[in-house]
N, C-alpha and C. Protein backbone atom coordinates (compact mmCIF):
# COMPACT_ATOMS: atom_id res chain seq x y z
N MET A 1 -5.01 -11.15 40.34
CA MET A 1 -5.01 -10.38 38.93
C MET A 1 -3.08 -11.17 38.59
N GLU A 2 -3.24 -10.83 37.46
CA GLU A 2 -1.92 -11.31 36.59
C GLU A 2 -1.66 -10.09 36.32
N ASP A 3 0.05 -9.95 36.92
CA ASP A 3 0.88 -8.80 36.27
C ASP A 3 1.64 -8.93 35.01
N VAL A 4 1.28 -7.71 33.77
CA VAL A 4 1.85 -8.41 33.16
C VAL A 4 2.62 -6.86 32.52
N PRO A 5 3.70 -6.81 32.09
CA PRO A 5 3.92 -5.67 32.73
C PRO A 5 3.78 -4.42 30.69
N PHE A 6 3.82 -5.41 30.46
CA PHE A 6 3.55 -4.41 28.42
C PHE A 6 2.16 -4.62 28.16
N GLY A 7 1.09 -5.28 28.64
CA GLY A 7 -0.22 -5.33 28.35
C GLY A 7 -0.62 -6.08 27.31
N PRO A 8 -1.56 -6.61 26.89
CA PRO A 8 -2.17 -8.33 26.59
C PRO A 8 -1.59 -8.89 25.16
N PRO A 9 -0.72 -9.38 24.46
CA PRO A 9 -0.31 -9.69 23.84
C PRO A 9 -1.39 -8.63 22.43
N PRO A 10 0.10 -8.41 21.17
CA PRO A 10 -0.68 -7.23 20.13
C PRO A 10 -1.51 -7.77 19.11
N ARG A 11 -2.60 -7.66 19.05
CA ARG A 11 -3.74 -8.33 18.44
C ARG A 11 -3.19 -8.97 16.16
N ILE A 12 -3.09 -9.56 15.98
CA ILE A 12 -2.72 -9.93 14.51
C ILE A 12 -3.60 -9.80 13.30
N TYR A 13 -3.65 -9.67 12.45
CA TYR A 13 -4.49 -9.67 11.06
C TYR A 13 -4.54 -10.82 10.20
N LYS A 14 -4.83 -10.78 9.64
CA LYS A 14 -5.06 -12.14 8.30
C LYS A 14 -5.46 -10.75 7.17
N TYR A 15 -4.14 -10.77 6.68
CA TYR A 15 -4.61 -10.10 5.12
C TYR A 15 -3.75 -10.91 3.95
N HIS A 16 -5.37 -10.79 3.37
CA HIS A 16 -5.21 -12.04 2.11
C HIS A 16 -5.11 -11.32 1.02
N CYS A 17 -4.41 -11.29 -0.48
CA CYS A 17 -3.49 -10.56 -1.68
C CYS A 17 -4.39 -12.22 -2.66
N PHE A 18 -5.59 -10.79 -3.55
CA PHE A 18 -6.37 -11.62 -4.16
C PHE A 18 -5.46 -11.36 -5.46
N GLU A 19 -4.63 -10.82 -5.96
CA GLU A 19 -3.99 -10.58 -6.92
C GLU A 19 -2.73 -11.91 -7.09
N CYS A 20 -2.20 -12.48 -6.17
CA CYS A 20 -1.11 -13.09 -6.57
C CYS A 20 -1.32 -14.44 -5.40
N ASP A 21 -2.77 -14.08 -4.26
CA ASP A 21 -3.43 -15.02 -3.57
C ASP A 21 -1.81 -15.83 -2.44
N LYS A 22 -1.30 -14.99 -2.03
CA LYS A 22 -1.07 -15.22 -0.57
C LYS A 22 -1.53 -14.63 0.56
N SER A 23 -1.07 -15.17 1.51
CA SER A 23 -2.22 -14.47 2.98
C SER A 23 -1.28 -14.37 4.28
N PHE A 24 -1.05 -13.50 4.99
CA PHE A 24 0.16 -13.29 5.36
C PHE A 24 -0.63 -12.03 6.91
N GLU A 25 -0.24 -12.28 8.04
CA GLU A 25 -0.52 -12.40 8.80
C GLU A 25 0.29 -10.65 9.80
N ILE A 26 -0.74 -9.73 9.53
CA ILE A 26 0.15 -8.41 10.53
C ILE A 26 -0.54 -8.33 11.80
N ASN A 27 1.01 -7.19 12.24
CA ASN A 27 0.83 -7.55 13.46
C ASN A 27 0.12 -5.93 14.04
N GLU A 28 -0.21 -5.43 14.88
CA GLU A 28 -1.33 -4.25 15.39
C GLU A 28 -0.80 -2.87 15.50
N ALA A 29 0.41 -3.47 15.32
CA ALA A 29 0.96 -2.09 15.40
C ALA A 29 2.04 -1.48 14.12
N ILE A 30 1.96 -1.88 13.16
CA ILE A 30 2.15 -2.10 11.29
C ILE A 30 0.66 -1.26 11.05
N ILE A 31 -0.54 -2.35 11.84
CA ILE A 31 -2.19 -1.87 11.59
C ILE A 31 -1.91 -0.15 12.07
N ASP A 32 -1.64 0.22 12.93
CA ASP A 32 -1.69 1.22 13.68
C ASP A 32 -0.79 2.60 12.63
N VAL A 33 0.49 1.90 12.01
CA VAL A 33 1.03 3.25 12.14
C VAL A 33 0.42 3.19 10.50
N ALA A 34 -0.55 1.74 9.79
CA ALA A 34 -1.04 2.41 8.50
C ALA A 34 -1.72 2.94 8.92
N CYS A 35 -2.93 3.34 9.46
CA CYS A 35 -4.07 4.08 9.57
C CYS A 35 -3.14 5.54 9.28
N GLY A 36 -2.31 5.95 9.95
CA GLY A 36 -1.82 7.41 9.27
C GLY A 36 -1.29 7.74 8.02
N TRP A 37 -1.13 6.87 7.40
CA TRP A 37 0.24 7.14 5.82
C TRP A 37 -1.88 6.34 4.50
N THR A 38 -2.66 6.25 5.62
CA THR A 38 -3.17 5.18 3.91
C THR A 38 -4.34 6.15 4.35
N LYS A 39 -5.28 6.17 3.20
CA LYS A 39 -6.89 6.14 2.97
C LYS A 39 -7.88 5.12 2.99
N LYS A 40 -7.70 4.84 2.30
CA LYS A 40 -7.39 3.14 1.54
C LYS A 40 -8.08 2.29 2.87
N ARG A 41 -9.45 1.82 2.97
CA ARG A 41 -9.83 0.51 4.23
C ARG A 41 -11.11 -0.34 3.87
N THR A 42 -10.72 -1.04 4.45
CA THR A 42 -11.47 -2.49 4.36
C THR A 42 -11.75 -3.11 5.94
N LYS A 43 -12.83 -3.59 5.85
CA LYS A 43 -13.66 -3.61 6.99
C LYS A 43 -13.20 -5.18 7.50
N THR A 44 -12.93 -5.47 9.26
CA THR A 44 -12.81 -7.09 9.55
C THR A 44 -14.63 -7.64 9.60
N SER A 45 -14.37 -8.06 10.07
CA SER A 45 -15.32 -9.67 10.20
C SER A 45 -16.14 -9.17 11.28
N ASP A 46 -15.22 -8.24 12.45
CA ASP A 46 -16.32 -6.95 13.68
C ASP A 46 -16.48 -6.20 12.91
N GLY A 47 -16.82 -5.82 12.02
CA GLY A 47 -16.98 -4.25 11.81
C GLY A 47 -16.01 -3.04 11.68
N GLU A 48 -14.53 -3.74 12.16
CA GLU A 48 -13.51 -2.89 12.06
C GLU A 48 -12.72 -2.35 11.32
N GLU A 49 -12.80 -0.77 11.05
CA GLU A 49 -12.06 -0.96 9.81
C GLU A 49 -10.08 -0.73 9.95
N VAL A 50 -9.61 -0.70 8.62
CA VAL A 50 -8.53 -1.07 8.57
C VAL A 50 -7.95 -0.69 7.62
N PRO A 51 -6.46 -0.31 7.89
CA PRO A 51 -6.11 0.24 5.82
C PRO A 51 -6.17 -1.15 5.09
N VAL A 52 -6.66 -0.92 3.90
CA VAL A 52 -5.80 -1.56 3.00
C VAL A 52 -3.99 -1.06 2.60
N LEU A 53 -3.40 -2.06 2.67
CA LEU A 53 -2.05 -2.26 2.47
C LEU A 53 -1.68 -2.68 1.18
N GLU A 54 -0.11 -2.61 0.88
CA GLU A 54 0.19 -3.26 -0.26
C GLU A 54 0.96 -4.28 0.01
N CYS A 55 0.97 -5.61 -0.83
CA CYS A 55 1.67 -6.58 -0.70
C CYS A 55 2.76 -6.72 -1.05
N TYR A 56 3.14 -7.69 0.19
CA TYR A 56 4.56 -7.97 0.62
C TYR A 56 5.77 -9.06 -0.53
N SER A 57 4.23 -9.53 -1.89
CA SER A 57 4.43 -10.08 -2.18
C SER A 57 5.01 -9.96 -4.17
N CYS A 58 3.81 -9.20 -4.58
CA CYS A 58 3.09 -8.44 -5.33
C CYS A 58 3.44 -7.09 -5.10
N ARG A 59 3.79 -6.31 -4.28
CA ARG A 59 3.12 -4.85 -4.66
C ARG A 59 2.96 -4.49 -5.23
N LYS A 60 1.45 -4.69 -5.03
CA LYS A 60 -0.44 -4.70 -5.69
C LYS A 60 -0.74 -3.73 -4.00
N LYS A 61 -1.34 -2.73 -4.71
CA LYS A 61 -1.51 -1.89 -3.10
C LYS A 61 -3.54 -2.51 -3.37
N ILE A 62 -3.49 -4.06 -2.96
CA ILE A 62 -5.21 -4.39 -2.78
C ILE A 62 -4.35 -5.55 -1.87
N LEU A 63 -4.06 -5.43 -1.08
CA LEU A 63 -3.90 -6.50 0.62
C LEU A 63 -5.14 -6.39 1.42
N LYS A 64 -6.12 -6.79 1.32
CA LYS A 64 -7.12 -6.85 2.65
C LYS A 64 -7.42 -7.61 3.96
N CYS A 65 -8.00 -7.01 4.77
CA CYS A 65 -7.86 -7.90 5.50
C CYS A 65 -9.47 -8.90 5.32
N ILE A 66 -8.87 -10.20 6.19
CA ILE A 66 -9.55 -11.17 5.83
C ILE A 66 -9.89 -11.96 7.51
N ASP A 67 -9.61 -10.63 8.45
CA ASP A 67 -9.82 -11.35 9.86
C ASP A 67 -11.14 -11.25 9.97
């Protein structure tokens, strides 16, 4: 058995802004926090619901998961 003190590495979600056409990789911890403050959701390829985020580049709230 492998000794991993903090568990497996966090999942990375791929998001894309369809307004400015930029893509981002967002850490699972940020997604977990965002789930508490936003009600808009998008779905991953495996059906998991994750929040729609504000784009880091153009600041529109349309950053959607493309994972």
